[in-house]
PDB file of all heavy atoms in Angstrom:
ATOM      1  N   PHE A   1      89.051 123.149 109.911  1.00  0.00           N
ATOM      2  CA  PHE A   1      89.171 123.883 108.660  1.00  0.00           C
ATOM      3  C   PHE A   1      89.697 123.023 107.519  1.00  0.00           C
ATOM      4  O   PHE A   1      89.359 123.251 106.371  1.00  0.00           O
ATOM      5  CB  PHE A   1      90.087 125.104 108.834  1.00  0.00           C
ATOM      6  CG  PHE A   1      89.508 126.157 109.731  1.00  0.00           C
ATOM      7  CD1 PHE A   1      90.248 126.656 110.779  1.00  0.00           C
ATOM      8  CD2 PHE A   1      88.244 126.652 109.525  1.00  0.00           C
ATOM      9  CE1 PHE A   1      89.733 127.649 111.606  1.00  0.00           C
ATOM     10  CE2 PHE A   1      87.707 127.632 110.354  1.00  0.00           C
ATOM     11  CZ  PHE A   1      88.459 128.133 111.396  1.00  0.00           C
ATOM     12  N   GLU A   2      90.542 122.054 107.846  1.00  0.00           N
ATOM     13  CA  GLU A   2      91.101 121.225 106.779  1.00  0.00           C
ATOM     14  C   GLU A   2      91.387 119.827 107.291  1.00  0.00           C
ATOM     15  O   GLU A   2      91.730 119.634 108.457  1.00  0.00           O
ATOM     16  CB  GLU A   2      92.395 121.840 106.234  1.00  0.00           C
ATOM     17  CG  GLU A   2      92.898 121.116 105.022  1.00  0.00           C
ATOM     18  CD  GLU A   2      93.846 121.942 104.184  1.00  0.00           C
ATOM     19  OE1 GLU A   2      94.598 122.757 104.741  1.00  0.00           O
ATOM     20  OE2 GLU A   2      93.838 121.753 102.957  1.00  0.00           O
ATOM     21  N   ALA A   3      91.223 118.858 106.389  1.00  0.00           N
ATOM     22  CA  ALA A   3      91.562 117.460 106.669  1.00  0.00           C
ATOM     23  C   ALA A   3      92.271 116.923 105.428  1.00  0.00           C
ATOM     24  O   ALA A   3      91.769 117.083 104.313  1.00  0.00           O
ATOM     25  CB  ALA A   3      90.308 116.645 106.961  1.00  0.00           C
ATOM     26  N   VAL A   4      93.453 116.307 105.638  1.00  0.00           N
ATOM     27  CA  VAL A   4      94.254 115.833 104.505  1.00  0.00           C
ATOM     28  C   VAL A   4      94.780 114.425 104.763  1.00  0.00           C
ATOM     29  O   VAL A   4      95.016 114.037 105.899  1.00  0.00           O
ATOM     30  CB  VAL A   4      95.444 116.777 104.203  1.00  0.00           C
ATOM     31  CG1 VAL A   4      94.955 118.151 103.778  1.00  0.00           C
ATOM     32  CG2 VAL A   4      96.383 116.885 105.386  1.00  0.00           C
ATOM     33  N   PHE A   5      94.967 113.691 103.676  1.00  0.00           N
ATOM     34  CA  PHE A   5      95.573 112.368 103.725  1.00  0.00           C
ATOM     35  C   PHE A   5      97.090 112.480 103.749  1.00  0.00           C
ATOM     36  O   PHE A   5      97.658 113.357 103.080  1.00  0.00           O
ATOM     37  CB  PHE A   5      95.232 111.567 102.456  1.00  0.00           C
ATOM     38  CG  PHE A   5      93.811 111.127 102.339  1.00  0.00           C
ATOM     39  CD1 PHE A   5      92.927 111.812 101.531  1.00  0.00           C
ATOM     40  CD2 PHE A   5      93.365 109.993 102.996  1.00  0.00           C
ATOM     41  CE1 PHE A   5      91.617 111.387 101.382  1.00  0.00           C
ATOM     42  CE2 PHE A   5      92.058 109.556 102.852  1.00  0.00           C
ATOM     43  CZ  PHE A   5      91.175 110.255 102.051  1.00  0.00           C
ATOM     44  N   SER A   6      97.757 111.563 104.452  1.00  0.00           N
ATOM     45  CA  SER A   6      99.202 111.404 104.304  1.00  0.00           C
ATOM     46  C   SER A   6      99.442 110.764 102.940  1.00  0.00           C
ATOM     47  O   SER A   6      98.526 110.179 102.350  1.00  0.00           O
ATOM     48  CB  SER A   6      99.770 110.519 105.417  1.00  0.00           C
ATOM     49  OG  SER A   6      99.241 109.209 105.342  1.00  0.00           O
ATOM     50  N   PRO A   7     100.659 110.859 102.403  1.00  0.00           N
ATOM     51  CA  PRO A   7     100.922 110.270 101.083  1.00  0.00           C
ATOM     52  C   PRO A   7     100.587 108.776 100.987  1.00  0.00           C
ATOM     53  O   PRO A   7     100.118 108.317  99.947  1.00  0.00           O
ATOM     54  CB  PRO A   7     102.412 110.527 100.858  1.00  0.00           C
ATOM     55  CG  PRO A   7     102.694 111.758 101.663  1.00  0.00           C
ATOM     56  CD  PRO A   7     101.817 111.618 102.893  1.00  0.00           C
ATOM     57  N   ASP A   8     100.800 108.025 102.059  1.00  0.00           N
ATOM     58  CA  ASP A   8     100.463 106.587 102.034  1.00  0.00           C
ATOM     59  C   ASP A   8      99.013 106.331 102.445  1.00  0.00           C
ATOM     60  O   ASP A   8      98.559 105.188 102.467  1.00  0.00           O
ATOM     61  CB  ASP A   8     101.413 105.778 102.919  1.00  0.00           C
ATOM     62  CG  ASP A   8     101.327 106.131 104.400  1.00  0.00           C
ATOM     63  OD1 ASP A   8     100.446 106.921 104.804  1.00  0.00           O
ATOM     64  OD2 ASP A   8     102.166 105.611 105.154  1.00  0.00           O
ATOM     65  N   GLU A   9      98.285 107.383 102.779  1.00  0.00           N
ATOM     66  CA  GLU A   9      96.875 107.362 103.166  1.00  0.00           C
ATOM     67  C   GLU A   9      96.593 106.535 104.422  1.00  0.00           C
ATOM     68  O   GLU A   9      95.463 106.150 104.676  1.00  0.00           O
ATOM     69  CB  GLU A   9      95.981 106.931 101.997  1.00  0.00           C
ATOM     70  CG  GLU A   9      96.066 107.912 100.856  1.00  0.00           C
ATOM     71  CD  GLU A   9      95.119 107.636  99.710  1.00  0.00           C
ATOM     72  OE1 GLU A   9      94.445 106.589  99.709  1.00  0.00           O
ATOM     73  OE2 GLU A   9      95.049 108.482  98.813  1.00  0.00           O
ATOM     74  N   LYS A  10      97.614 106.324 105.240  1.00  0.00           N
ATOM     75  CA  LYS A  10      97.436 105.604 106.501  1.00  0.00           C
ATOM     76  C   LYS A  10      97.117 106.543 107.660  1.00  0.00           C
ATOM     77  O   LYS A  10      96.649 106.120 108.704  1.00  0.00           O
ATOM     78  CB  LYS A  10      98.670 104.776 106.827  1.00  0.00           C
ATOM     79  CG  LYS A  10      98.870 103.631 105.849  1.00  0.00           C
ATOM     80  CD  LYS A  10     100.068 102.807 106.209  1.00  0.00           C
ATOM     81  CE  LYS A  10     100.208 101.652 105.226  1.00  0.00           C
ATOM     82  NZ  LYS A  10     101.380 100.840 105.512  1.00  0.00           N
ATOM     83  N   ARG A  11      97.394 107.825 107.463  1.00  0.00           N
ATOM     84  CA  ARG A  11      97.135 108.830 108.485  1.00  0.00           C
ATOM     85  C   ARG A  11      96.369 109.989 107.877  1.00  0.00           C
ATOM     86  O   ARG A  11      96.411 110.222 106.672  1.00  0.00           O
ATOM     87  CB  ARG A  11      98.446 109.353 109.084  1.00  0.00           C
ATOM     88  CG  ARG A  11      99.170 108.313 109.905  1.00  0.00           C
ATOM     89  CD  ARG A  11     100.577 108.748 110.238  1.00  0.00           C
ATOM     90  NE  ARG A  11     101.356 108.720 108.996  1.00  0.00           N
ATOM     91  CZ  ARG A  11     102.322 109.576 108.693  1.00  0.00           C
ATOM     92  NH1 ARG A  11     102.662 110.518 109.531  1.00  0.00           N
ATOM     93  NH2 ARG A  11     102.980 109.482 107.555  1.00  0.00           N
ATOM     94  N   ILE A  12      95.692 110.696 108.741  1.00  0.00           N
ATOM     95  CA  ILE A  12      94.970 111.901 108.358  1.00  0.00           C
ATOM     96  C   ILE A  12      95.392 112.986 109.329  1.00  0.00           C
ATOM     97  O   ILE A  12      95.548 112.739 110.532  1.00  0.00           O
ATOM     98  CB  ILE A  12      93.448 111.657 108.402  1.00  0.00           C
ATOM     99  CG1 ILE A  12      93.066 110.745 107.227  1.00  0.00           C
ATOM    100  CG2 ILE A  12      92.663 112.959 108.385  1.00  0.00           C
ATOM    101  CD1 ILE A  12      91.688 110.178 107.294  1.00  0.00           C
ATOM    102  N   ALA A  13      95.583 114.194 108.814  1.00  0.00           N
ATOM    103  CA  ALA A  13      95.868 115.352 109.657  1.00  0.00           C
ATOM    104  C   ALA A  13      94.699 116.321 109.536  1.00  0.00           C
ATOM    105  O   ALA A  13      94.154 116.518 108.447  1.00  0.00           O
ATOM    106  CB  ALA A  13      97.168 116.027 109.234  1.00  0.00           C
ATOM    107  N   THR A  14      94.320 116.911 110.672  1.00  0.00           N
ATOM    108  CA  THR A  14      93.262 117.909 110.681  1.00  0.00           C
ATOM    109  C   THR A  14      93.773 119.197 111.314  1.00  0.00           C
ATOM    110  O   THR A  14      94.547 119.166 112.274  1.00  0.00           O
ATOM    111  CB  THR A  14      92.020 117.407 111.455  1.00  0.00           C
ATOM    112  OG1 THR A  14      92.407 116.973 112.760  1.00  0.00           O
ATOM    113  CG2 THR A  14      91.337 116.268 110.717  1.00  0.00           C
ATOM    114  N   ALA A  15      93.348 120.336 110.772  1.00  0.00           N
ATOM    115  CA  ALA A  15      93.704 121.662 111.276  1.00  0.00           C
ATOM    116  C   ALA A  15      92.437 122.316 111.799  1.00  0.00           C
ATOM    117  O   ALA A  15      91.392 122.258 111.150  1.00  0.00           O
ATOM    118  CB  ALA A  15      94.308 122.504 110.152  1.00  0.00           C
ATOM    119  N   SER A  16      92.548 122.952 112.983  1.00  0.00           N
ATOM    120  CA  SER A  16      91.324 123.414 113.641  1.00  0.00           C
ATOM    121  C   SER A  16      91.414 124.819 114.211  1.00  0.00           C
ATOM    122  O   SER A  16      92.490 125.328 114.529  1.00  0.00           O
ATOM    123  CB  SER A  16      90.977 122.440 114.770  1.00  0.00           C
ATOM    124  OG  SER A  16      89.874 122.890 115.519  1.00  0.00           O
ATOM    125  N   ASN A  17      90.231 125.373 114.401  1.00  0.00           N
ATOM    126  CA  ASN A  17      90.063 126.647 115.086  1.00  0.00           C
ATOM    127  C   ASN A  17      90.415 126.545 116.574  1.00  0.00           C
ATOM    128  O   ASN A  17      90.549 127.551 117.249  1.00  0.00           O
ATOM    129  CB  ASN A  17      88.606 127.108 114.913  1.00  0.00           C
ATOM    130  CG  ASN A  17      88.380 128.537 115.317  1.00  0.00           C
ATOM    131  OD1 ASN A  17      89.312 129.317 115.481  1.00  0.00           O
ATOM    132  ND2 ASN A  17      87.131 128.907 115.485  1.00  0.00           N
ATOM    133  N   ASP A  18      90.604 125.329 117.091  1.00  0.00           N
ATOM    134  CA  ASP A  18      90.999 125.160 118.497  1.00  0.00           C
ATOM    135  C   ASP A  18      92.506 125.304 118.701  1.00  0.00           C
ATOM    136  O   ASP A  18      93.024 124.996 119.762  1.00  0.00           O
ATOM    137  CB  ASP A  18      90.479 123.840 119.072  1.00  0.00           C
ATOM    138  CG  ASP A  18      91.119 122.597 118.460  1.00  0.00           C
ATOM    139  OD1 ASP A  18      92.102 122.713 117.692  1.00  0.00           O
ATOM    140  OD2 ASP A  18      90.619 121.489 118.756  1.00  0.00           O
ATOM    141  N   HIS A  19      93.223 125.766 117.660  1.00  0.00           N
ATOM    142  CA  HIS A  19      94.666 126.072 117.684  1.00  0.00           C
ATOM    143  C   HIS A  19      95.524 124.809 117.585  1.00  0.00           C
ATOM    144  O   HIS A  19      96.727 124.879 117.852  1.00  0.00           O
ATOM    145  CB  HIS A  19      95.082 126.861 118.929  1.00  0.00           C
ATOM    146  CG  HIS A  19      94.278 128.089 119.199  1.00  0.00           C
ATOM    147  ND1 HIS A  19      94.585 128.949 120.215  1.00  0.00           N
ATOM    148  CD2 HIS A  19      93.183 128.616 118.601  1.00  0.00           C
ATOM    149  CE1 HIS A  19      93.719 129.948 120.239  1.00  0.00           C
ATOM    150  NE2 HIS A  19      92.859 129.749 119.255  1.00  0.00           N
ATOM    151  N   THR A  20      94.942 123.668 117.232  1.00  0.00           N
ATOM    152  CA  THR A  20      95.702 122.421 117.187  1.00  0.00           C
ATOM    153  C   THR A  20      95.629 121.752 115.818  1.00  0.00           C
ATOM    154  O   THR A  20      94.776 122.058 114.990  1.00  0.00           O
ATOM    155  CB  THR A  20      95.187 121.396 118.228  1.00  0.00           C
ATOM    156  OG1 THR A  20      93.891 120.933 117.834  1.00  0.00           O
ATOM    157  CG2 THR A  20      95.143 121.974 119.630  1.00  0.00           C
ATOM    158  N   ILE A  21      96.556 120.821 115.647  1.00  0.00           N
ATOM    159  CA  ILE A  21      96.556 119.875 114.533  1.00  0.00           C
ATOM    160  C   ILE A  21      96.465 118.499 115.186  1.00  0.00           C
ATOM    161  O   ILE A  21      97.138 118.241 116.182  1.00  0.00           O
ATOM    162  CB  ILE A  21      97.852 119.965 113.708  1.00  0.00           C
ATOM    163  CG1 ILE A  21      97.999 121.360 113.100  1.00  0.00           C
ATOM    164  CG2 ILE A  21      97.892 118.893 112.629  1.00  0.00           C
ATOM    165  CD1 ILE A  21      99.302 121.968 113.432  1.00  0.00           C
ATOM    166  N   LYS A  22      95.630 117.659 114.633  1.00  0.00           N
ATOM    167  CA  LYS A  22      95.546 116.292 115.149  1.00  0.00           C
ATOM    168  C   LYS A  22      95.913 115.316 114.038  1.00  0.00           C
ATOM    169  O   LYS A  22      95.588 115.538 112.877  1.00  0.00           O
ATOM    170  CB  LYS A  22      94.141 115.973 115.673  1.00  0.00           C
ATOM    171  CG  LYS A  22      93.811 116.731 116.949  1.00  0.00           C
ATOM    172  CD  LYS A  22      92.490 116.286 117.544  1.00  0.00           C
ATOM    173  CE  LYS A  22      92.163 117.067 118.798  1.00  0.00           C
ATOM    174  NZ  LYS A  22      92.900 116.646 119.977  1.00  0.00           N
ATOM    175  N   LEU A  23      96.622 114.251 114.441  1.00  0.00           N
ATOM    176  CA  LEU A  23      96.918 113.142 113.545  1.00  0.00           C
ATOM    177  C   LEU A  23      96.036 111.975 113.939  1.00  0.00           C
ATOM    178  O   LEU A  23      95.867 111.688 115.124  1.00  0.00           O
ATOM    179  CB  LEU A  23      98.387 112.731 113.666  1.00  0.00           C
ATOM    180  CG  LEU A  23      99.407 113.625 113.004  1.00  0.00           C
ATOM    181  CD1 LEU A  23     100.810 113.093 113.268  1.00  0.00           C
ATOM    182  CD2 LEU A  23      99.173 113.727 111.522  1.00  0.00           C
ATOM    183  N   TRP A  24      95.514 111.279 112.925  1.00  0.00           N
ATOM    184  CA  TRP A  24      94.560 110.192 113.126  1.00  0.00           C
ATOM    185  C   TRP A  24      94.982 108.971 112.333  1.00  0.00           C
ATOM    186  O   TRP A  24      95.580 109.095 111.260  1.00  0.00           O
ATOM    187  CB  TRP A  24      93.179 110.597 112.626  1.00  0.00           C
ATOM    188  CG  TRP A  24      92.675 111.906 113.129  1.00  0.00           C
ATOM    189  CD1 TRP A  24      92.930 113.142 112.609  1.00  0.00           C
ATOM    190  CD2 TRP A  24      91.805 112.114 114.242  1.00  0.00           C
ATOM    191  NE1 TRP A  24      92.276 114.107 113.331  1.00  0.00           N
ATOM    192  CE2 TRP A  24      91.572 113.511 114.338  1.00  0.00           C
ATOM    193  CE3 TRP A  24      91.198 111.268 115.167  1.00  0.00           C
ATOM    194  CZ2 TRP A  24      90.766 114.067 115.319  1.00  0.00           C
ATOM    195  CZ3 TRP A  24      90.387 111.821 116.133  1.00  0.00           C
ATOM    196  CH2 TRP A  24      90.172 113.208 116.211  1.00  0.00           C
ATOM    197  N   ASN A  25      94.611 107.807 112.824  1.00  0.00           N
ATOM    198  CA  ASN A  25      94.746 106.571 112.058  1.00  0.00           C
ATOM    199  C   ASN A  25      93.601 106.554 111.051  1.00  0.00           C
ATOM    200  O   ASN A  25      92.427 106.611 111.439  1.00  0.00           O
ATOM    201  CB  ASN A  25      94.677 105.363 112.992  1.00  0.00           C
ATOM    202  CG  ASN A  25      94.825 104.051 112.265  1.00  0.00           C
ATOM    203  OD1 ASN A  25      94.118 103.763 111.307  1.00  0.00           O
ATOM    204  ND2 ASN A  25      95.751 103.235 112.734  1.00  0.00           N
ATOM    205  N   ALA A  26      93.916 106.476 109.765  1.00  0.00           N
ATOM    206  CA  ALA A  26      92.906 106.561 108.712  1.00  0.00           C
ATOM    207  C   ALA A  26      92.067 105.299 108.579  1.00  0.00           C
ATOM    208  O   ALA A  26      91.028 105.322 107.926  1.00  0.00           O
ATOM    209  CB  ALA A  26      93.564 106.883 107.377  1.00  0.00           C
ATOM    210  N   GLU A  27      92.500 104.212 109.199  1.00  0.00           N
ATOM    211  CA  GLU A  27      91.737 102.967 109.108  1.00  0.00           C
ATOM    212  C   GLU A  27      90.812 102.768 110.313  1.00  0.00           C
ATOM    213  O   GLU A  27      89.744 102.179 110.173  1.00  0.00           O
ATOM    214  CB  GLU A  27      92.683 101.785 108.972  1.00  0.00           C
ATOM    215  CG  GLU A  27      93.443 101.815 107.657  1.00  0.00           C
ATOM    216  CD  GLU A  27      94.452 100.688 107.522  1.00  0.00           C
ATOM    217  OE1 GLU A  27      94.407  99.734 108.316  1.00  0.00           O
ATOM    218  OE2 GLU A  27      95.288 100.785 106.622  1.00  0.00           O
ATOM    219  N   THR A  28      91.219 103.263 111.485  1.00  0.00           N
ATOM    220  CA  THR A  28      90.429 103.039 112.701  1.00  0.00           C
ATOM    221  C   THR A  28      89.756 104.302 113.221  1.00  0.00           C
ATOM    222  O   THR A  28      88.824 104.212 114.019  1.00  0.00           O
ATOM    223  CB  THR A  28      91.319 102.488 113.826  1.00  0.00           C
ATOM    224  OG1 THR A  28      92.259 103.512 114.214  1.00  0.00           O
ATOM    225  CG2 THR A  28      92.041 101.220 113.401  1.00  0.00           C
ATOM    226  N   GLY A  29      90.251 105.469 112.816  1.00  0.00           N
ATOM    227  CA  GLY A  29      89.735 106.730 113.333  1.00  0.00           C
ATOM    228  C   GLY A  29      90.332 107.131 114.660  1.00  0.00           C
ATOM    229  O   GLY A  29      89.985 108.173 115.221  1.00  0.00           O
ATOM    230  N   GLN A  30      91.260 106.337 115.180  1.00  0.00           N
ATOM    231  CA  GLN A  30      91.885 106.626 116.467  1.00  0.00           C
ATOM    232  C   GLN A  30      92.778 107.853 116.372  1.00  0.00           C
ATOM    233  O   GLN A  30      93.569 107.989 115.435  1.00  0.00           O
ATOM    234  CB  GLN A  30      92.708 105.431 116.933  1.00  0.00           C
ATOM    235  CG  GLN A  30      93.450 105.676 118.225  1.00  0.00           C
ATOM    236  CD  GLN A  30      94.370 104.522 118.602  1.00  0.00           C
ATOM    237  OE1 GLN A  30      94.505 103.553 117.876  1.00  0.00           O
ATOM    238  NE2 GLN A  30      95.007 104.642 119.746  1.00  0.00           N
ATOM    239  N   GLU A  31      92.665 108.727 117.370  1.00  0.00           N
ATOM    240  CA  GLU A  31      93.557 109.884 117.445  1.00  0.00           C
ATOM    241  C   GLU A  31      94.936 109.409 117.848  1.00  0.00           C
ATOM    242  O   GLU A  31      95.095 108.691 118.832  1.00  0.00           O
ATOM    243  CB  GLU A  31      93.019 110.889 118.456  1.00  0.00           C
ATOM    244  CG  GLU A  31      93.841 112.151 118.526  1.00  0.00           C
ATOM    245  CD  GLU A  31      93.304 113.133 119.553  1.00  0.00           C
ATOM    246  OE1 GLU A  31      92.080 113.212 119.746  1.00  0.00           O
ATOM    247  OE2 GLU A  31      94.143 113.817 120.170  1.00  0.00           O
ATOM    248  N   LEU A  32      95.964 109.806 117.087  1.00  0.00           N
ATOM    249  CA  LEU A  32      97.337 109.397 117.348  1.00  0.00           C
ATOM    250  C   LEU A  32      98.121 110.453 118.120  1.00  0.00           C
ATOM    251  O   LEU A  32      98.964 110.112 118.945  1.00  0.00           O
ATOM    252  CB  LEU A  32      98.055 109.103 116.028  1.00  0.00           C
ATOM    253  CG  LEU A  32      97.430 108.038 115.135  1.00  0.00           C
ATOM    254  CD1 LEU A  32      98.136 107.995 113.789  1.00  0.00           C
ATOM    255  CD2 LEU A  32      97.471 106.692 115.833  1.00  0.00           C
ATOM    256  N   LEU A  33      97.852 111.723 117.841  1.00  0.00           N
ATOM    257  CA  LEU A  33      98.691 112.788 118.388  1.00  0.00           C
ATOM    258  C   LEU A  33      98.001 114.127 118.207  1.00  0.00           C
ATOM    259  O   LEU A  33      97.327 114.353 117.205  1.00  0.00           O
ATOM    260  CB  LEU A  33     100.019 112.796 117.626  1.00  0.00           C
ATOM    261  CG  LEU A  33     101.116 113.752 118.027  1.00  0.00           C
ATOM    262  CD1 LEU A  33     101.622 113.436 119.429  1.00  0.00           C
ATOM    263  CD2 LEU A  33     102.264 113.659 117.041  1.00  0.00           C
ATOM    264  N   THR A  34      98.173 115.001 119.184  1.00  0.00           N
ATOM    265  CA  THR A  34      97.727 116.386 119.062  1.00  0.00           C
ATOM    266  C   THR A  34      98.953 117.280 119.089  1.00  0.00           C
ATOM    267  O   THR A  34      99.781 117.164 119.991  1.00  0.00           O
ATOM    268  CB  THR A  34      96.774 116.776 120.205  1.00  0.00           C
ATOM    269  OG1 THR A  34      95.621 115.938 120.153  1.00  0.00           O
ATOM    270  CG2 THR A  34      96.335 118.228 120.089  1.00  0.00           C
ATOM    271  N   LEU A  35      99.063 118.150 118.101  1.00  0.00           N
ATOM    272  CA  LEU A  35     100.178 119.093 118.004  1.00  0.00           C
ATOM    273  C   LEU A  35      99.668 120.465 118.437  1.00  0.00           C
ATOM    274  O   LEU A  35      98.738 121.000 117.840  1.00  0.00           O
ATOM    275  CB  LEU A  35     100.717 119.141 116.577  1.00  0.00           C
ATOM    276  CG  LEU A  35     101.221 117.803 116.035  1.00  0.00           C
ATOM    277  CD1 LEU A  35     101.510 117.892 114.553  1.00  0.00           C
ATOM    278  CD2 LEU A  35     102.454 117.352 116.800  1.00  0.00           C
ATOM    279  N   GLU A  36     100.303 120.993 119.490  1.00  0.00           N
ATOM    280  CA  GLU A  36      99.877 122.264 120.059  1.00  0.00           C
ATOM    281  C   GLU A  36     101.064 123.210 120.138  1.00  0.00           C
ATOM    282  O   GLU A  36     102.031 122.915 120.816  1.00  0.00           O
ATOM    283  CB  GLU A  36      99.326 122.050 121.469  1.00  0.00           C
ATOM    284  CG  GLU A  36      98.165 121.093 121.544  1.00  0.00           C
ATOM    285  CD  GLU A  36      97.766 120.780 122.969  1.00  0.00           C
ATOM    286  OE1 GLU A  36      98.626 120.267 123.714  1.00  0.00           O
ATOM    287  OE2 GLU A  36      96.618 121.047 123.321  1.00  0.00           O
ATOM    288  N   ASP A  37     100.998 124.294 119.457  1.00  0.00           N
ATOM    289  CA  ASP A  37     102.005 125.344 119.584  1.00  0.00           C
ATOM    290  C   ASP A  37     101.490 126.633 118.969  1.00  0.00           C
ATOM    291  O   ASP A  37     101.940 127.701 119.337  1.00  0.00           O
ATOM    292  CB  ASP A  37     103.328 124.938 118.943  1.00  0.00           C
ATOM    293  CG  ASP A  37     104.479 125.834 119.391  1.00  0.00           C
ATOM    294  OD1 ASP A  37     104.474 126.268 120.556  1.00  0.00           O
ATOM    295  OD2 ASP A  37     105.359 126.117 118.574  1.00  0.00           O
ATOM    296  N   HIS A  38     100.543 126.529 118.045  1.00  0.00           N
ATOM    297  CA  HIS A  38      99.979 127.745 117.470  1.00  0.00           C
ATOM    298  C   HIS A  38      99.185 128.496 118.537  1.00  0.00           C
ATOM    299  O   HIS A  38      98.604 127.890 119.431  1.00  0.00           O
ATOM    300  CB  HIS A  38      99.075 127.407 116.279  1.00  0.00           C
ATOM    301  CG  HIS A  38      99.827 127.065 115.036  1.00  0.00           C
ATOM    302  ND1 HIS A  38     100.591 127.979 114.350  1.00  0.00           N
ATOM    303  CD2 HIS A  38      99.933 125.893 114.356  1.00  0.00           C
ATOM    304  CE1 HIS A  38     101.135 127.394 113.299  1.00  0.00           C
ATOM    305  NE2 HIS A  38     100.757 126.123 113.279  1.00  0.00           N
TER     306      HIS A  38
END
């Protein structure tokens, strides 16, 4: 549903219908972390 830049634009956060938020490396596309609690 949403994808946003971190203030330094080194990370990206995504919000999803799968009930999670994911953090990504904005330069490589590598997934850094999945946040699950919703």
